[in-house]
Amino acid sequence: GIQTAVLSPVLVAVVAQILADLASGRIRAGGGRLARWWRRRRLRG
């Protein structure tokens, strides 16, 4: 792919996603069982 020298835009998204998943209970619930529900949540923003 195209070389990307800047990592922070990637790191900010990764860290935010991990912490959001922990806060919302997604990790506790398990990814597979609630995948459809989470897709609907994404569509609603």
PDB file of all heavy atoms in Angstrom:
ATOM      1  N   GLY A   1       0.832  -1.202   0.000  1.00  0.00           N
ATOM      2  CA  GLY A   1       0.000   0.000   0.000  1.00  0.00           C
ATOM      3  C   GLY A   1       0.861   1.243   0.000  1.00  0.00           C
ATOM      4  O   GLY A   1       2.051   1.202  -0.294  1.00  0.00           O
ATOM      5  N   ILE A   2       0.246   2.364   0.318  1.00  0.00           N
ATOM      6  CA  ILE A   2       0.961   3.637   0.355  1.00  0.00           C
ATOM      7  C   ILE A   2       1.640   3.791   1.709  1.00  0.00           C
ATOM      8  O   ILE A   2       1.026   3.574   2.749  1.00  0.00           O
ATOM      9  CB  ILE A   2      -0.020   4.800   0.133  1.00  0.00           C
ATOM     10  CG1 ILE A   2      -0.708   4.638  -1.228  1.00  0.00           C
ATOM     11  CG2 ILE A   2       0.678   6.149   0.221  1.00  0.00           C
ATOM     12  CD1 ILE A   2      -1.808   5.629  -1.485  1.00  0.00           C
ATOM     13  N   GLN A   3       2.881   4.181   1.707  1.00  0.00           N
ATOM     14  CA  GLN A   3       3.618   4.323   2.965  1.00  0.00           C
ATOM     15  C   GLN A   3       3.047   5.486   3.776  1.00  0.00           C
ATOM     16  O   GLN A   3       2.807   6.570   3.258  1.00  0.00           O
ATOM     17  CB  GLN A   3       5.102   4.570   2.695  1.00  0.00           C
ATOM     18  CG  GLN A   3       5.918   4.637   3.988  1.00  0.00           C
ATOM     19  CD  GLN A   3       7.402   4.680   3.706  1.00  0.00           C
ATOM     20  OE1 GLN A   3       7.818   4.787   2.559  1.00  0.00           O
ATOM     21  NE2 GLN A   3       8.203   4.586   4.736  1.00  0.00           N
ATOM     22  N   THR A   4       2.800   5.213   5.060  1.00  0.00           N
ATOM     23  CA  THR A   4       2.304   6.240   5.963  1.00  0.00           C
ATOM     24  C   THR A   4       3.330   6.465   7.060  1.00  0.00           C
ATOM     25  O   THR A   4       3.626   5.560   7.823  1.00  0.00           O
ATOM     26  CB  THR A   4       0.965   5.807   6.595  1.00  0.00           C
ATOM     27  OG1 THR A   4       0.019   5.584   5.555  1.00  0.00           O
ATOM     28  CG2 THR A   4       0.432   6.858   7.528  1.00  0.00           C
ATOM     29  N   ALA A   5       3.904   7.673   7.100  1.00  0.00           N
ATOM     30  CA  ALA A   5       4.945   7.951   8.079  1.00  0.00           C
ATOM     31  C   ALA A   5       4.359   8.340   9.426  1.00  0.00           C
ATOM     32  O   ALA A   5       5.007   8.217  10.455  1.00  0.00           O
ATOM     33  CB  ALA A   5       5.858   9.068   7.563  1.00  0.00           C
ATOM     34  N   VAL A   6       3.108   8.831   9.439  1.00  0.00           N
ATOM     35  CA  VAL A   6       2.499   9.318  10.672  1.00  0.00           C
ATOM     36  C   VAL A   6       1.624   8.228  11.283  1.00  0.00           C
ATOM     37  O   VAL A   6       0.718   7.702  10.637  1.00  0.00           O
ATOM     38  CB  VAL A   6       1.657  10.580  10.402  1.00  0.00           C
ATOM     39  CG1 VAL A   6       1.036  11.092  11.687  1.00  0.00           C
ATOM     40  CG2 VAL A   6       2.521  11.656   9.748  1.00  0.00           C
ATOM     41  N   LEU A   7       1.897   7.891  12.542  1.00  0.00           N
ATOM     42  CA  LEU A   7       1.165   6.823  13.219  1.00  0.00           C
ATOM     43  C   LEU A   7       0.020   7.327  14.083  1.00  0.00           C
ATOM     44  O   LEU A   7      -0.940   6.604  14.327  1.00  0.00           O
ATOM     45  CB  LEU A   7       2.121   6.021  14.112  1.00  0.00           C
ATOM     46  CG  LEU A   7       3.027   5.003  13.429  1.00  0.00           C
ATOM     47  CD1 LEU A   7       3.999   4.416  14.452  1.00  0.00           C
ATOM     48  CD2 LEU A   7       2.211   3.894  12.800  1.00  0.00           C
ATOM     49  N   SER A   8       0.102   8.571  14.565  1.00  0.00           N
ATOM     50  CA  SER A   8      -0.871   9.037  15.551  1.00  0.00           C
ATOM     51  C   SER A   8      -2.324   8.970  15.073  1.00  0.00           C
ATOM     52  O   SER A   8      -3.207   8.652  15.884  1.00  0.00           O
ATOM     53  CB  SER A   8      -0.517  10.451  16.033  1.00  0.00           C
ATOM     54  OG  SER A   8      -0.372  11.349  14.960  1.00  0.00           O
ATOM     55  N   PRO A   9      -2.655   9.229  13.793  1.00  0.00           N
ATOM     56  CA  PRO A   9      -4.063   9.089  13.383  1.00  0.00           C
ATOM     57  C   PRO A   9      -4.573   7.660  13.518  1.00  0.00           C
ATOM     58  O   PRO A   9      -5.759   7.439  13.745  1.00  0.00           O
ATOM     59  CB  PRO A   9      -4.048   9.549  11.921  1.00  0.00           C
ATOM     60  CG  PRO A   9      -2.857  10.440  11.805  1.00  0.00           C
ATOM     61  CD  PRO A   9      -1.842   9.815  12.712  1.00  0.00           C
ATOM     62  N   VAL A  10      -3.671   6.688  13.358  1.00  0.00           N
ATOM     63  CA  VAL A  10      -4.045   5.287  13.538  1.00  0.00           C
ATOM     64  C   VAL A  10      -4.160   4.971  15.020  1.00  0.00           C
ATOM     65  O   VAL A  10      -5.118   4.331  15.470  1.00  0.00           O
ATOM     66  CB  VAL A  10      -3.014   4.353  12.867  1.00  0.00           C
ATOM     67  CG1 VAL A  10      -3.365   2.888  13.127  1.00  0.00           C
ATOM     68  CG2 VAL A  10      -2.935   4.630  11.369  1.00  0.00           C
ATOM     69  N   LEU A  11      -3.210   5.434  15.807  1.00  0.00           N
ATOM     70  CA  LEU A  11      -3.189   5.126  17.237  1.00  0.00           C
ATOM     71  C   LEU A  11      -4.384   5.737  17.967  1.00  0.00           C
ATOM     72  O   LEU A  11      -4.952   5.113  18.868  1.00  0.00           O
ATOM     73  CB  LEU A  11      -1.886   5.626  17.862  1.00  0.00           C
ATOM     74  CG  LEU A  11      -0.605   4.941  17.356  1.00  0.00           C
ATOM     75  CD1 LEU A  11       0.621   5.601  17.976  1.00  0.00           C
ATOM     76  CD2 LEU A  11      -0.620   3.455  17.650  1.00  0.00           C
ATOM     77  N   VAL A  12      -4.776   6.949  17.601  1.00  0.00           N
ATOM     78  CA  VAL A  12      -5.905   7.586  18.282  1.00  0.00           C
ATOM     79  C   VAL A  12      -7.179   6.785  18.056  1.00  0.00           C
ATOM     80  O   VAL A  12      -7.996   6.599  18.972  1.00  0.00           O
ATOM     81  CB  VAL A  12      -6.083   9.061  17.830  1.00  0.00           C
ATOM     82  CG1 VAL A  12      -6.451   9.159  16.371  1.00  0.00           C
ATOM     83  CG2 VAL A  12      -7.151   9.751  18.676  1.00  0.00           C
ATOM     84  N   ALA A  13      -7.363   6.253  16.852  1.00  0.00           N
ATOM     85  CA  ALA A  13      -8.564   5.471  16.560  1.00  0.00           C
ATOM     86  C   ALA A  13      -8.555   4.133  17.289  1.00  0.00           C
ATOM     87  O   ALA A  13      -9.583   3.675  17.789  1.00  0.00           O
ATOM     88  CB  ALA A  13      -8.687   5.253  15.053  1.00  0.00           C
ATOM     89  N   VAL A  14      -7.390   3.514  17.363  1.00  0.00           N
ATOM     90  CA  VAL A  14      -7.272   2.221  18.047  1.00  0.00           C
ATOM     91  C   VAL A  14      -7.553   2.375  19.537  1.00  0.00           C
ATOM     92  O   VAL A  14      -8.345   1.626  20.122  1.00  0.00           O
ATOM     93  CB  VAL A  14      -5.877   1.605  17.816  1.00  0.00           C
ATOM     94  CG1 VAL A  14      -5.661   0.396  18.722  1.00  0.00           C
ATOM     95  CG2 VAL A  14      -5.707   1.190  16.356  1.00  0.00           C
ATOM     96  N   VAL A  15      -6.913   3.349  20.165  1.00  0.00           N
ATOM     97  CA  VAL A  15      -7.093   3.550  21.608  1.00  0.00           C
ATOM     98  C   VAL A  15      -8.540   3.929  21.926  1.00  0.00           C
ATOM     99  O   VAL A  15      -9.143   3.406  22.864  1.00  0.00           O
ATOM    100  CB  VAL A  15      -6.123   4.630  22.130  1.00  0.00           C
ATOM    101  CG1 VAL A  15      -6.445   5.005  23.576  1.00  0.00           C
ATOM    102  CG2 VAL A  15      -4.686   4.130  22.026  1.00  0.00           C
ATOM    103  N   ALA A  16      -9.107   4.841  21.129  1.00  0.00           N
ATOM    104  CA  ALA A  16     -10.494   5.260  21.364  1.00  0.00           C
ATOM    105  C   ALA A  16     -11.451   4.081  21.233  1.00  0.00           C
ATOM    106  O   ALA A  16     -12.393   3.932  22.018  1.00  0.00           O
ATOM    107  CB  ALA A  16     -10.878   6.370  20.392  1.00  0.00           C
ATOM    108  N   GLN A  17     -11.204   3.219  20.241  1.00  0.00           N
ATOM    109  CA  GLN A  17     -12.094   2.070  20.035  1.00  0.00           C
ATOM    110  C   GLN A  17     -11.999   1.083  21.191  1.00  0.00           C
ATOM    111  O   GLN A  17     -13.017   0.569  21.676  1.00  0.00           O
ATOM    112  CB  GLN A  17     -11.750   1.370  18.716  1.00  0.00           C
ATOM    113  CG  GLN A  17     -12.727   0.262  18.348  1.00  0.00           C
ATOM    114  CD  GLN A  17     -14.094   0.824  18.010  1.00  0.00           C
ATOM    115  OE1 GLN A  17     -14.244   1.553  17.021  1.00  0.00           O
ATOM    116  NE2 GLN A  17     -15.106   0.504  18.807  1.00  0.00           N
ATOM    117  N   ILE A  18     -10.795   0.800  21.652  1.00  0.00           N
ATOM    118  CA  ILE A  18     -10.616  -0.145  22.759  1.00  0.00           C
ATOM    119  C   ILE A  18     -11.327   0.369  24.010  1.00  0.00           C
ATOM    120  O   ILE A  18     -12.067  -0.371  24.673  1.00  0.00           O
ATOM    121  CB  ILE A  18      -9.118  -0.358  23.052  1.00  0.00           C
ATOM    122  CG1 ILE A  18      -8.432  -1.048  21.872  1.00  0.00           C
ATOM    123  CG2 ILE A  18      -8.937  -1.199  24.325  1.00  0.00           C
ATOM    124  CD1 ILE A  18      -6.915  -1.045  21.963  1.00  0.00           C
ATOM    125  N   LEU A  19     -11.115   1.626  24.336  1.00  0.00           N
ATOM    126  CA  LEU A  19     -11.729   2.191  25.547  1.00  0.00           C
ATOM    127  C   LEU A  19     -13.247   2.297  25.398  1.00  0.00           C
ATOM    128  O   LEU A  19     -13.989   2.074  26.367  1.00  0.00           O
ATOM    129  CB  LEU A  19     -11.122   3.559  25.850  1.00  0.00           C
ATOM    130  CG  LEU A  19      -9.625   3.551  26.203  1.00  0.00           C
ATOM    131  CD1 LEU A  19      -9.130   4.974  26.454  1.00  0.00           C
ATOM    132  CD2 LEU A  19      -9.351   2.664  27.415  1.00  0.00           C
ATOM    133  N   ALA A  20     -13.726   2.618  24.201  1.00  0.00           N
ATOM    134  CA  ALA A  20     -15.173   2.682  23.974  1.00  0.00           C
ATOM    135  C   ALA A  20     -15.797   1.301  24.121  1.00  0.00           C
ATOM    136  O   ALA A  20     -16.884   1.152  24.700  1.00  0.00           O
ATOM    137  CB  ALA A  20     -15.465   3.254  22.587  1.00  0.00           C
ATOM    138  N   ASP A  21     -15.130   0.288  23.610  1.00  0.00           N
ATOM    139  CA  ASP A  21     -15.641  -1.079  23.726  1.00  0.00           C
ATOM    140  C   ASP A  21     -15.689  -1.527  25.178  1.00  0.00           C
ATOM    141  O   ASP A  21     -16.632  -2.207  25.602  1.00  0.00           O
ATOM    142  CB  ASP A  21     -14.767  -2.037  22.921  1.00  0.00           C
ATOM    143  CG  ASP A  21     -14.922  -1.859  21.412  1.00  0.00           C
ATOM    144  OD1 ASP A  21     -15.913  -1.229  20.990  1.00  0.00           O
ATOM    145  OD2 ASP A  21     -14.059  -2.352  20.666  1.00  0.00           O
ATOM    146  N   LEU A  22     -14.690  -1.147  25.949  1.00  0.00           N
ATOM    147  CA  LEU A  22     -14.665  -1.515  27.362  1.00  0.00           C
ATOM    148  C   LEU A  22     -15.774  -0.794  28.122  1.00  0.00           C
ATOM    149  O   LEU A  22     -16.500  -1.406  28.916  1.00  0.00           O
ATOM    150  CB  LEU A  22     -13.301  -1.173  27.974  1.00  0.00           C
ATOM    151  CG  LEU A  22     -13.137  -1.453  29.471  1.00  0.00           C
ATOM    152  CD1 LEU A  22     -13.316  -2.939  29.765  1.00  0.00           C
ATOM    153  CD2 LEU A  22     -11.758  -0.970  29.952  1.00  0.00           C
ATOM    154  N   ALA A  23     -15.924   0.499  27.881  1.00  0.00           N
ATOM    155  CA  ALA A  23     -16.925   1.294  28.597  1.00  0.00           C
ATOM    156  C   ALA A  23     -18.347   0.853  28.273  1.00  0.00           C
ATOM    157  O   ALA A  23     -19.232   0.865  29.132  1.00  0.00           O
ATOM    158  CB  ALA A  23     -16.748   2.776  28.272  1.00  0.00           C
ATOM    159  N   SER A  24     -18.589   0.458  27.031  1.00  0.00           N
ATOM    160  CA  SER A  24     -19.941   0.117  26.591  1.00  0.00           C
ATOM    161  C   SER A  24     -20.338  -1.317  26.924  1.00  0.00           C
ATOM    162  O   SER A  24     -21.508  -1.674  26.795  1.00  0.00           O
ATOM    163  CB  SER A  24     -20.064   0.328  25.080  1.00  0.00           C
ATOM    164  OG  SER A  24     -19.200  -0.563  24.395  1.00  0.00           O
ATOM    165  N   GLY A  25     -19.375  -2.138  27.347  1.00  0.00           N
ATOM    166  CA  GLY A  25     -19.684  -3.526  27.677  1.00  0.00           C
ATOM    167  C   GLY A  25     -19.538  -4.480  26.516  1.00  0.00           C
ATOM    168  O   GLY A  25     -19.868  -5.655  26.627  1.00  0.00           O
ATOM    169  N   ARG A  26     -19.013  -4.002  25.404  1.00  0.00           N
ATOM    170  CA  ARG A  26     -18.887  -4.868  24.232  1.00  0.00           C
ATOM    171  C   ARG A  26     -17.913  -6.009  24.479  1.00  0.00           C
ATOM    172  O   ARG A  26     -18.149  -7.139  24.057  1.00  0.00           O
ATOM    173  CB  ARG A  26     -18.426  -4.041  23.031  1.00  0.00           C
ATOM    174  CG  ARG A  26     -18.389  -4.852  21.742  1.00  0.00           C
ATOM    175  CD  ARG A  26     -17.891  -3.996  20.591  1.00  0.00           C
ATOM    176  NE  ARG A  26     -17.948  -4.740  19.347  1.00  0.00           N
ATOM    177  CZ  ARG A  26     -17.365  -4.324  18.227  1.00  0.00           C
ATOM    178  NH1 ARG A  26     -16.709  -3.191  18.216  1.00  0.00           N
ATOM    179  NH2 ARG A  26     -17.452  -5.037  17.128  1.00  0.00           N
ATOM    180  N   ILE A  27     -16.824  -5.736  25.160  1.00  0.00           N
ATOM    181  CA  ILE A  27     -15.849  -6.793  25.440  1.00  0.00           C
ATOM    182  C   ILE A  27     -16.477  -7.839  26.356  1.00  0.00           C
ATOM    183  O   ILE A  27     -16.335  -9.043  26.154  1.00  0.00           O
ATOM    184  CB  ILE A  27     -14.573  -6.215  26.073  1.00  0.00           C
ATOM    185  CG1 ILE A  27     -13.920  -5.207  25.129  1.00  0.00           C
ATOM    186  CG2 ILE A  27     -13.591  -7.330  26.416  1.00  0.00           C
ATOM    187  CD1 ILE A  27     -12.695  -4.521  25.703  1.00  0.00           C
ATOM    188  N   ARG A  28     -17.194  -7.359  27.379  1.00  0.00           N
ATOM    189  CA  ARG A  28     -17.824  -8.267  28.331  1.00  0.00           C
ATOM    190  C   ARG A  28     -18.866  -9.147  27.644  1.00  0.00           C
ATOM    191  O   ARG A  28     -18.992 -10.330  27.929  1.00  0.00           O
ATOM    192  CB  ARG A  28     -18.475  -7.467  29.463  1.00  0.00           C
ATOM    193  CG  ARG A  28     -19.141  -8.328  30.517  1.00  0.00           C
ATOM    194  CD  ARG A  28     -19.648  -7.485  31.675  1.00  0.00           C
ATOM    195  NE  ARG A  28     -20.689  -6.548  31.270  1.00  0.00           N
ATOM    196  CZ  ARG A  28     -20.531  -5.230  31.193  1.00  0.00           C
ATOM    197  NH1 ARG A  28     -19.356  -4.680  31.483  1.00  0.00           N
ATOM    198  NH2 ARG A  28     -21.523  -4.440  30.832  1.00  0.00           N
ATOM    199  N   ALA A  29     -19.617  -8.544  26.714  1.00  0.00           N
ATOM    200  CA  ALA A  29     -20.688  -9.285  26.051  1.00  0.00           C
ATOM    201  C   ALA A  29     -20.153 -10.293  25.041  1.00  0.00           C
ATOM    202  O   ALA A  29     -20.769 -11.311  24.791  1.00  0.00           O
ATOM    203  CB  ALA A  29     -21.642  -8.307  25.356  1.00  0.00           C
ATOM    204  N   GLY A  30     -19.013 -10.015  24.462  1.00  0.00           N
ATOM    205  CA  GLY A  30     -18.466 -10.905  23.447  1.00  0.00           C
ATOM    206  C   GLY A  30     -18.838 -10.412  22.063  1.00  0.00           C
ATOM    207  O   GLY A  30     -19.978 -10.053  21.803  1.00  0.00           O
ATOM    208  N   GLY A  31     -17.862 -10.386  21.172  1.00  0.00           N
ATOM    209  CA  GLY A  31     -18.088  -9.819  19.850  1.00  0.00           C
ATOM    210  C   GLY A  31     -19.105 -10.565  19.015  1.00  0.00           C
ATOM    211  O   GLY A  31     -19.984  -9.971  18.415  1.00  0.00           O
ATOM    212  N   GLY A  32     -19.037 -11.894  18.982  1.00  0.00           N
ATOM    213  CA  GLY A  32     -19.868 -12.652  18.070  1.00  0.00           C
ATOM    214  C   GLY A  32     -21.353 -12.578  18.375  1.00  0.00           C
ATOM    215  O   GLY A  32     -22.177 -12.428  17.479  1.00  0.00           O
ATOM    216  N   ARG A  33     -21.727 -12.685  19.630  1.00  0.00           N
ATOM    217  CA  ARG A  33     -23.135 -12.764  19.988  1.00  0.00           C
ATOM    218  C   ARG A  33     -23.914 -11.497  19.694  1.00  0.00           C
ATOM    219  O   ARG A  33     -25.099 -11.539  19.404  1.00  0.00           O
ATOM    220  CB  ARG A  33     -23.280 -13.097  21.481  1.00  0.00           C
ATOM    221  CG  ARG A  33     -22.910 -14.519  21.826  1.00  0.00           C
ATOM    222  CD  ARG A  33     -23.056 -14.770  23.311  1.00  0.00           C
ATOM    223  NE  ARG A  33     -22.096 -13.974  24.076  1.00  0.00           N
ATOM    224  CZ  ARG A  33     -22.207 -13.756  25.378  1.00  0.00           C
ATOM    225  NH1 ARG A  33     -23.244 -14.216  26.040  1.00  0.00           N
ATOM    226  NH2 ARG A  33     -21.287 -13.058  26.012  1.00  0.00           N
ATOM    227  N   LEU A  34     -23.242 -10.362  19.785  1.00  0.00           N
ATOM    228  CA  LEU A  34     -23.956  -9.104  19.598  1.00  0.00           C
ATOM    229  C   LEU A  34     -23.514  -8.358  18.348  1.00  0.00           C
ATOM    230  O   LEU A  34     -23.730  -7.166  18.227  1.00  0.00           O
ATOM    231  CB  LEU A  34     -23.749  -8.206  20.821  1.00  0.00           C
ATOM    232  CG  LEU A  34     -24.320  -8.740  22.128  1.00  0.00           C
ATOM    233  CD1 LEU A  34     -24.087  -7.742  23.247  1.00  0.00           C
ATOM    234  CD2 LEU A  34     -25.802  -9.022  22.016  1.00  0.00           C
ATOM    235  N   ALA A  35     -22.908  -9.073  17.409  1.00  0.00           N
ATOM    236  CA  ALA A  35     -22.379  -8.400  16.219  1.00  0.00           C
ATOM    237  C   ALA A  35     -23.470  -7.662  15.458  1.00  0.00           C
ATOM    238  O   ALA A  35     -23.293  -6.532  15.011  1.00  0.00           O
ATOM    239  CB  ALA A  35     -21.700  -9.419  15.306  1.00  0.00           C
ATOM    240  N   ARG A  36     -24.643  -8.305  15.309  1.00  0.00           N
ATOM    241  CA  ARG A  36     -25.723  -7.665  14.554  1.00  0.00           C
ATOM    242  C   ARG A  36     -26.222  -6.414  15.265  1.00  0.00           C
ATOM    243  O   ARG A  36     -26.476  -5.379  14.648  1.00  0.00           O
ATOM    244  CB  ARG A  36     -26.874  -8.660  14.380  1.00  0.00           C
ATOM    245  CG  ARG A  36     -27.982  -8.143  13.476  1.00  0.00           C
ATOM    246  CD  ARG A  36     -29.008  -9.220  13.208  1.00  0.00           C
ATOM    247  NE  ARG A  36     -28.385 -10.374  12.567  1.00  0.00           N
ATOM    248  CZ  ARG A  36     -29.012 -11.519  12.322  1.00  0.00           C
ATOM    249  NH1 ARG A  36     -30.280 -11.659  12.657  1.00  0.00           N
ATOM    250  NH2 ARG A  36     -28.377 -12.498  11.731  1.00  0.00           N
ATOM    251  N   TRP A  37     -26.352  -6.517  16.586  1.00  0.00           N
ATOM    252  CA  TRP A  37     -26.799  -5.358  17.363  1.00  0.00           C
ATOM    253  C   TRP A  37     -25.813  -4.214  17.257  1.00  0.00           C
ATOM    254  O   TRP A  37     -26.193  -3.055  17.092  1.00  0.00           O
ATOM    255  CB  TRP A  37     -26.969  -5.785  18.826  1.00  0.00           C
ATOM    256  CG  TRP A  37     -27.426  -4.678  19.723  1.00  0.00           C
ATOM    257  CD1 TRP A  37     -28.599  -3.999  19.675  1.00  0.00           C
ATOM    258  CD2 TRP A  37     -26.708  -4.133  20.835  1.00  0.00           C
ATOM    259  NE1 TRP A  37     -28.659  -3.066  20.677  1.00  0.00           N
ATOM    260  CE2 TRP A  37     -27.510  -3.128  21.402  1.00  0.00           C
ATOM    261  CE3 TRP A  37     -25.463  -4.411  21.409  1.00  0.00           C
ATOM    262  CZ2 TRP A  37     -27.112  -2.397  22.510  1.00  0.00           C
ATOM    263  CZ3 TRP A  37     -25.065  -3.688  22.516  1.00  0.00           C
ATOM    264  CH2 TRP A  37     -25.883  -2.682  23.055  1.00  0.00           C
ATOM    265  N   TRP A  38     -24.519  -4.538  17.284  1.00  0.00           N
ATOM    266  CA  TRP A  38     -23.517  -3.477  17.188  1.00  0.00           C
ATOM    267  C   TRP A  38     -23.506  -2.830  15.813  1.00  0.00           C
ATOM    268  O   TRP A  38     -23.252  -1.640  15.672  1.00  0.00           O
ATOM    269  CB  TRP A  38     -22.134  -4.028  17.534  1.00  0.00           C
ATOM    270  CG  TRP A  38     -21.933  -4.121  18.999  1.00  0.00           C
ATOM    271  CD1 TRP A  38     -22.047  -5.225  19.779  1.00  0.00           C
ATOM    272  CD2 TRP A  38     -21.625  -3.049  19.894  1.00  0.00           C
ATOM    273  NE1 TRP A  38     -21.830  -4.908  21.091  1.00  0.00           N
ATOM    274  CE2 TRP A  38     -21.557  -3.598  21.200  1.00  0.00           C
ATOM    275  CE3 TRP A  38     -21.398  -1.685  19.713  1.00  0.00           C
ATOM    276  CZ2 TRP A  38     -21.284  -2.815  22.309  1.00  0.00           C
ATOM    277  CZ3 TRP A  38     -21.112  -0.912  20.824  1.00  0.00           C
ATOM    278  CH2 TRP A  38     -21.059  -1.485  22.098  1.00  0.00           C
ATOM    279  N   ARG A  39     -23.817  -3.620  14.780  1.00  0.00           N
ATOM    280  CA  ARG A  39     -23.885  -3.023  13.443  1.00  0.00           C
ATOM    281  C   ARG A  39     -25.018  -1.998  13.372  1.00  0.00           C
ATOM    282  O   ARG A  39     -24.883  -0.943  12.759  1.00  0.00           O
ATOM    283  CB  ARG A  39     -24.065  -4.117  12.389  1.00  0.00           C
ATOM    284  CG  ARG A  39     -22.776  -4.841  12.020  1.00  0.00           C
ATOM    285  CD  ARG A  39     -22.937  -5.609  10.726  1.00  0.00           C
ATOM    286  NE  ARG A  39     -23.881  -6.706  10.853  1.00  0.00           N
ATOM    287  CZ  ARG A  39     -23.561  -7.934  11.213  1.00  0.00           C
ATOM    288  NH1 ARG A  39     -22.292  -8.224  11.512  1.00  0.00           N
ATOM    289  NH2 ARG A  39     -24.459  -8.879  11.294  1.00  0.00           N
ATOM    290  N   ARG A  40     -26.157  -2.327  13.996  1.00  0.00           N
ATOM    291  CA  ARG A  40     -27.266  -1.369  14.018  1.00  0.00           C
ATOM    292  C   ARG A  40     -26.879  -0.109  14.781  1.00  0.00           C
ATOM    293  O   ARG A  40     -27.244   1.007  14.389  1.00  0.00           O
ATOM    294  CB  ARG A  40     -28.499  -2.019  14.665  1.00  0.00           C
ATOM    295  CG  ARG A  40     -29.140  -3.088  13.810  1.00  0.00           C
ATOM    296  CD  ARG A  40     -30.568  -3.350  14.264  1.00  0.00           C
ATOM    297  NE  ARG A  40     -30.626  -3.819  15.632  1.00  0.00           N
ATOM    298  CZ  ARG A  40     -30.646  -5.096  15.985  1.00  0.00           C
ATOM    299  NH1 ARG A  40     -30.587  -6.041  15.040  1.00  0.00           N
ATOM    300  NH2 ARG A  40     -30.718  -5.449  17.251  1.00  0.00           N
ATOM    301  N   ARG A  41     -26.137  -0.259  15.880  1.00  0.00           N
ATOM    302  CA  ARG A  41     -25.687   0.896  16.654  1.00  0.00           C
ATOM    303  C   ARG A  41     -24.784   1.782  15.804  1.00  0.00           C
ATOM    304  O   ARG A  41     -24.859   3.006  15.861  1.00  0.00           O
ATOM    305  CB  ARG A  41     -24.958   0.442  17.921  1.00  0.00           C
ATOM    306  CG  ARG A  41     -25.884  -0.093  19.003  1.00  0.00           C
ATOM    307  CD  ARG A  41     -25.074  -0.766  20.099  1.00  0.00           C
ATOM    308  NE  ARG A  41     -24.185   0.151  20.781  1.00  0.00           N
ATOM    309  CZ  ARG A  41     -24.530   0.907  21.822  1.00  0.00           C
ATOM    310  NH1 ARG A  41     -25.765   0.874  22.270  1.00  0.00           N
ATOM    311  NH2 ARG A  41     -23.654   1.702  22.398  1.00  0.00           N
ATOM    312  N   ARG A  42     -23.914   1.152  15.015  1.00  0.00           N
ATOM    313  CA  ARG A  42     -23.019   1.934  14.166  1.00  0.00           C
ATOM    314  C   ARG A  42     -23.826   2.761  13.159  1.00  0.00           C
ATOM    315  O   ARG A  42     -23.494   3.898  12.866  1.00  0.00           O
ATOM    316  CB  ARG A  42     -22.054   0.999  13.422  1.00  0.00           C
ATOM    317  CG  ARG A  42     -20.951   0.424  14.299  1.00  0.00           C
ATOM    318  CD  ARG A  42     -19.868  -0.187  13.432  1.00  0.00           C
ATOM    319  NE  ARG A  42     -18.837  -0.820  14.230  1.00  0.00           N
ATOM    320  CZ  ARG A  42     -18.816  -2.104  14.514  1.00  0.00           C
ATOM    321  NH1 ARG A  42     -19.768  -2.904  14.071  1.00  0.00           N
ATOM    322  NH2 ARG A  42     -17.836  -2.615  15.246  1.00  0.00           N
ATOM    323  N   LEU A  43     -24.864   2.151  12.585  1.00  0.00           N
ATOM    324  CA  LEU A  43     -25.676   2.862  11.604  1.00  0.00           C
ATOM    325  C   LEU A  43     -26.339   4.091  12.226  1.00  0.00           C
ATOM    326  O   LEU A  43     -26.559   5.092  11.558  1.00  0.00           O
ATOM    327  CB  LEU A  43     -26.740   1.921  11.024  1.00  0.00           C
ATOM    328  CG  LEU A  43     -26.210   0.809  10.109  1.00  0.00           C
ATOM    329  CD1 LEU A  43     -27.347  -0.120   9.692  1.00  0.00           C
ATOM    330  CD2 LEU A  43     -25.521   1.395   8.876  1.00  0.00           C
ATOM    331  N   ARG A  44     -26.661   4.027  13.507  1.00  0.00           N
ATOM    332  CA  ARG A  44     -27.287   5.157  14.185  1.00  0.00           C
ATOM    333  C   ARG A  44     -26.256   6.179  14.667  1.00  0.00           C
ATOM    334  O   ARG A  44     -26.602   7.184  15.250  1.00  0.00           O
ATOM    335  CB  ARG A  44     -28.111   4.667  15.379  1.00  0.00           C
ATOM    336  CG  ARG A  44     -29.339   3.852  14.989  1.00  0.00           C
ATOM    337  CD  ARG A  44     -30.292   3.740  16.161  1.00  0.00           C
ATOM    338  NE  ARG A  44     -29.679   3.075  17.289  1.00  0.00           N
ATOM    339  CZ  ARG A  44     -29.788   1.767  17.537  1.00  0.00           C
ATOM    340  NH1 ARG A  44     -30.463   0.994  16.700  1.00  0.00           N
ATOM    341  NH2 ARG A  44     -29.226   1.235  18.606  1.00  0.00           N
ATOM    342  N   GLY A  45     -25.018   5.887  14.447  1.00  0.00           N
ATOM    343  CA  GLY A  45     -23.985   6.828  14.860  1.00  0.00           C
ATOM    344  C   GLY A  45     -23.586   6.729  16.316  1.00  0.00           C
ATOM    345  O   GLY A  45     -22.760   7.518  16.789  1.00  0.00           O
TER     346      GLY A  45
END
